[in-house]
């Protein structure tokens, strides 16, 4: 099982930026996509961004394209989500995800954007 721990959340004003990081703990040799999901109040969890092992395939939700950037460092075992020009509708709990056979999730971290 992959252990995932998010950091970097908090409260900001609309238009500001936040950077989320996820530390990945796993045995060497495993290969999988990593990603970020979020759950806004009263809504279902939705994908934000997915990045492949080599970083050559990246998928973004339409709502964050042009504002968010996902990246990973396989040496440091981290995946990062740079969030710029944040909007109130970005308020949610953000989850780090590892696309393993069983799917592994971090505990989540709160991001609050005030308009």
C-alpha atoms as a PDB file:
ATOM      1  CA  UNK A   1       0.000   0.000   0.000  1.00  0.00           C
ATOM      2  CA  UNK A   2       1.187   3.496  -0.852  1.00  0.00           C
ATOM      3  CA  UNK A   3       1.183   6.095   1.922  1.00  0.00           C
ATOM      4  CA  UNK A   4       0.284   9.627   0.845  1.00  0.00           C
ATOM      5  CA  UNK A   5       0.387  12.799   2.941  1.00  0.00           C
ATOM      6  CA  UNK A   6      -0.697  16.194   1.652  1.00  0.00           C
ATOM      7  CA  UNK A   7       0.628  19.564   2.819  1.00  0.00           C
ATOM      8  CA  UNK A   8       0.378  23.229   1.854  1.00  0.00           C
ATOM      9  CA  UNK A   9      -3.325  23.896   2.176  1.00  0.00           C
ATOM     10  CA  UNK A  10      -4.854  26.908   3.867  1.00  0.00           C
ATOM     11  CA  UNK A  11      -7.020  29.977   3.406  1.00  0.00           C
ATOM     12  CA  UNK A  12      -6.388  32.637   0.755  1.00  0.00           C
ATOM     13  CA  UNK A  13      -8.191  35.420  -1.067  1.00  0.00           C
ATOM     14  CA  UNK A  14      -9.485  35.010  -4.597  1.00  0.00           C
ATOM     15  CA  UNK A  15      -6.745  35.639  -7.119  1.00  0.00           C
ATOM     16  CA  UNK A  16      -3.965  34.385  -4.854  1.00  0.00           C
ATOM     17  CA  UNK A  17      -1.921  31.208  -5.148  1.00  0.00           C
ATOM     18  CA  UNK A  18      -1.284  28.059  -3.136  1.00  0.00           C
ATOM     19  CA  UNK A  19       1.058  25.152  -3.648  1.00  0.00           C
ATOM     20  CA  UNK A  20       0.022  21.692  -2.499  1.00  0.00           C
ATOM     21  CA  UNK A  21       2.542  18.931  -2.045  1.00  0.00           C
ATOM     22  CA  UNK A  22       2.088  15.235  -1.486  1.00  0.00           C
ATOM     23  CA  UNK A  23       4.763  13.005  -0.002  1.00  0.00           C
ATOM     24  CA  UNK A  24       4.633   9.446  -1.327  1.00  0.00           C
ATOM     25  CA  UNK A  25       5.930   6.508   0.698  1.00  0.00           C
ATOM     26  CA  UNK A  26       6.263   3.214  -1.119  1.00  0.00           C
ATOM     27  CA  UNK A  27       8.667   0.375  -1.789  1.00  0.00           C
ATOM     28  CA  UNK A  28      11.066   0.947  -4.718  1.00  0.00           C
ATOM     29  CA  UNK A  29      10.244  -0.224  -8.223  1.00  0.00           C
ATOM     30  CA  UNK A  30       6.533   0.480  -8.400  1.00  0.00           C
ATOM     31  CA  UNK A  31       5.241   2.610 -11.275  1.00  0.00           C
ATOM     32  CA  UNK A  32       1.912   4.428 -11.278  1.00  0.00           C
ATOM     33  CA  UNK A  33       0.165   7.650 -12.142  1.00  0.00           C
ATOM     34  CA  UNK A  34      -0.342  10.240  -9.415  1.00  0.00           C
ATOM     35  CA  UNK A  35      -3.038  12.817  -9.181  1.00  0.00           C
ATOM     36  CA  UNK A  36      -5.112  15.302  -7.268  1.00  0.00           C
ATOM     37  CA  UNK A  37      -8.837  15.157  -6.615  1.00  0.00           C
ATOM     38  CA  UNK A  38     -11.058  17.476  -4.656  1.00  0.00           C
ATOM     39  CA  UNK A  39     -14.407  17.457  -2.905  1.00  0.00           C
ATOM     40  CA  UNK A  40     -16.251  20.720  -2.557  1.00  0.00           C
ATOM     41  CA  UNK A  41     -18.968  21.127   0.102  1.00  0.00           C
ATOM     42  CA  UNK A  42     -22.094  19.279  -0.966  1.00  0.00           C
ATOM     43  CA  UNK A  43     -20.492  17.864  -4.104  1.00  0.00           C
ATOM     44  CA  UNK A  44     -18.956  14.612  -5.278  1.00  0.00           C
ATOM     45  CA  UNK A  45     -15.208  14.140  -5.376  1.00  0.00           C
ATOM     46  CA  UNK A  46     -13.840  15.149  -8.763  1.00  0.00           C
ATOM     47  CA  UNK A  47     -10.539  14.856 -10.561  1.00  0.00           C
ATOM     48  CA  UNK A  48      -8.334  17.953 -10.653  1.00  0.00           C
ATOM     49  CA  UNK A  49      -5.180  16.694 -12.379  1.00  0.00           C
ATOM     50  CA  UNK A  50      -3.459  13.409 -13.210  1.00  0.00           C
ATOM     51  CA  UNK A  51       0.188  12.957 -14.173  1.00  0.00           C
ATOM     52  CA  UNK A  52       1.775   9.817 -15.548  1.00  0.00           C
ATOM     53  CA  UNK A  53       4.922   8.201 -14.160  1.00  0.00           C
ATOM     54  CA  UNK A  54       7.176   9.896 -16.724  1.00  0.00           C
ATOM     55  CA  UNK A  55       5.206  13.129 -16.716  1.00  0.00           C
ATOM     56  CA  UNK A  56       4.526  12.963 -20.449  1.00  0.00           C
ATOM     57  CA  UNK A  57       0.780  12.558 -19.987  1.00  0.00           C
ATOM     58  CA  UNK A  58      -1.108  15.132 -17.944  1.00  0.00           C
ATOM     59  CA  UNK A  59      -4.846  15.588 -17.640  1.00  0.00           C
ATOM     60  CA  UNK A  60      -6.555  18.616 -16.106  1.00  0.00           C
ATOM     61  CA  UNK A  61     -10.159  19.288 -15.262  1.00  0.00           C
ATOM     62  CA  UNK A  62     -11.558  21.955 -17.571  1.00  0.00           C
ATOM     63  CA  UNK A  63     -12.254  24.161 -14.567  1.00  0.00           C
ATOM     64  CA  UNK A  64      -8.550  24.426 -13.654  1.00  0.00           C
ATOM     65  CA  UNK A  65      -6.848  24.438 -17.060  1.00  0.00           C
ATOM     66  CA  UNK A  66      -4.513  27.393 -17.411  1.00  0.00           C
ATOM     67  CA  UNK A  67      -4.512  28.049 -13.656  1.00  0.00           C
ATOM     68  CA  UNK A  68      -3.219  24.841 -12.053  1.00  0.00           C
ATOM     69  CA  UNK A  69      -0.019  22.954 -12.815  1.00  0.00           C
ATOM     70  CA  UNK A  70       0.761  19.425 -11.630  1.00  0.00           C
ATOM     71  CA  UNK A  71       4.282  18.043 -11.456  1.00  0.00           C
ATOM     72  CA  UNK A  72       6.098  15.122  -9.859  1.00  0.00           C
ATOM     73  CA  UNK A  73       9.569  14.251  -8.724  1.00  0.00           C
ATOM     74  CA  UNK A  74      10.083  10.490  -8.659  1.00  0.00           C
ATOM     75  CA  UNK A  75      13.449  10.829  -6.945  1.00  0.00           C
ATOM     76  CA  UNK A  76      11.998  12.829  -4.064  1.00  0.00           C
ATOM     77  CA  UNK A  77       8.712  10.886  -4.283  1.00  0.00           C
ATOM     78  CA  UNK A  78       6.508  13.943  -4.373  1.00  0.00           C
ATOM     79  CA  UNK A  79       3.672  15.270  -6.487  1.00  0.00           C
ATOM     80  CA  UNK A  80       2.869  18.964  -6.451  1.00  0.00           C
ATOM     81  CA  UNK A  81      -0.114  21.051  -7.469  1.00  0.00           C
ATOM     82  CA  UNK A  82       0.584  24.726  -8.109  1.00  0.00           C
ATOM     83  CA  UNK A  83      -2.701  26.610  -7.959  1.00  0.00           C
ATOM     84  CA  UNK A  84      -2.787  30.148  -9.333  1.00  0.00           C
ATOM     85  CA  UNK A  85      -5.597  32.685  -9.733  1.00  0.00           C
ATOM     86  CA  UNK A  86      -7.667  30.802  -7.202  1.00  0.00           C
ATOM     87  CA  UNK A  87     -11.426  31.242  -7.203  1.00  0.00           C
ATOM     88  CA  UNK A  88     -14.023  30.786  -4.491  1.00  0.00           C
ATOM     89  CA  UNK A  89     -15.267  27.701  -6.325  1.00  0.00           C
ATOM     90  CA  UNK A  90     -11.859  26.073  -5.811  1.00  0.00           C
ATOM     91  CA  UNK A  91     -12.704  25.764  -2.122  1.00  0.00           C
ATOM     92  CA  UNK A  92     -12.598  22.069  -1.304  1.00  0.00           C
ATOM     93  CA  UNK A  93     -10.739  19.296   0.421  1.00  0.00           C
ATOM     94  CA  UNK A  94      -7.918  18.247  -1.883  1.00  0.00           C
ATOM     95  CA  UNK A  95      -6.773  14.624  -2.002  1.00  0.00           C
ATOM     96  CA  UNK A  96      -3.590  13.131  -3.345  1.00  0.00           C
ATOM     97  CA  UNK A  97      -4.162   9.893  -5.267  1.00  0.00           C
ATOM     98  CA  UNK A  98      -1.928   7.049  -6.450  1.00  0.00           C
ATOM     99  CA  UNK A  99      -3.306   4.973  -9.305  1.00  0.00           C
ATOM    100  CA  UNK A 100      -2.194   1.635  -7.916  1.00  0.00           C
ATOM    101  CA  UNK A 101      -4.077  -1.619  -8.305  1.00  0.00           C
ATOM    102  CA  UNK A 102      -6.290  -0.809  -5.337  1.00  0.00           C
ATOM    103  CA  UNK A 103      -6.095   2.987  -5.569  1.00  0.00           C
ATOM    104  CA  UNK A 104      -4.511   4.795  -2.620  1.00  0.00           C
ATOM    105  CA  UNK A 105      -5.581   8.106  -1.146  1.00  0.00           C
ATOM    106  CA  UNK A 106      -4.129  10.683   1.180  1.00  0.00           C
ATOM    107  CA  UNK A 107      -6.229  11.940   4.120  1.00  0.00           C
ATOM    108  CA  UNK A 108      -6.972  15.229   2.331  1.00  0.00           C
ATOM    109  CA  UNK A 109      -6.203  18.870   3.029  1.00  0.00           C
ATOM    110  CA  UNK A 110      -8.476  21.890   3.174  1.00  0.00           C
ATOM    111  CA  UNK A 111      -8.193  24.751   0.697  1.00  0.00           C
ATOM    112  CA  UNK A 112     -10.445  27.746   1.319  1.00  0.00           C
ATOM    113  CA  UNK A 113     -10.687  30.652  -1.102  1.00  0.00           C
ATOM    114  CA  UNK A 114     -12.557  33.768  -0.027  1.00  0.00           C
ATOM    115  CA  UNK A 115     -14.038  36.114  -2.586  1.00  0.00           C
END
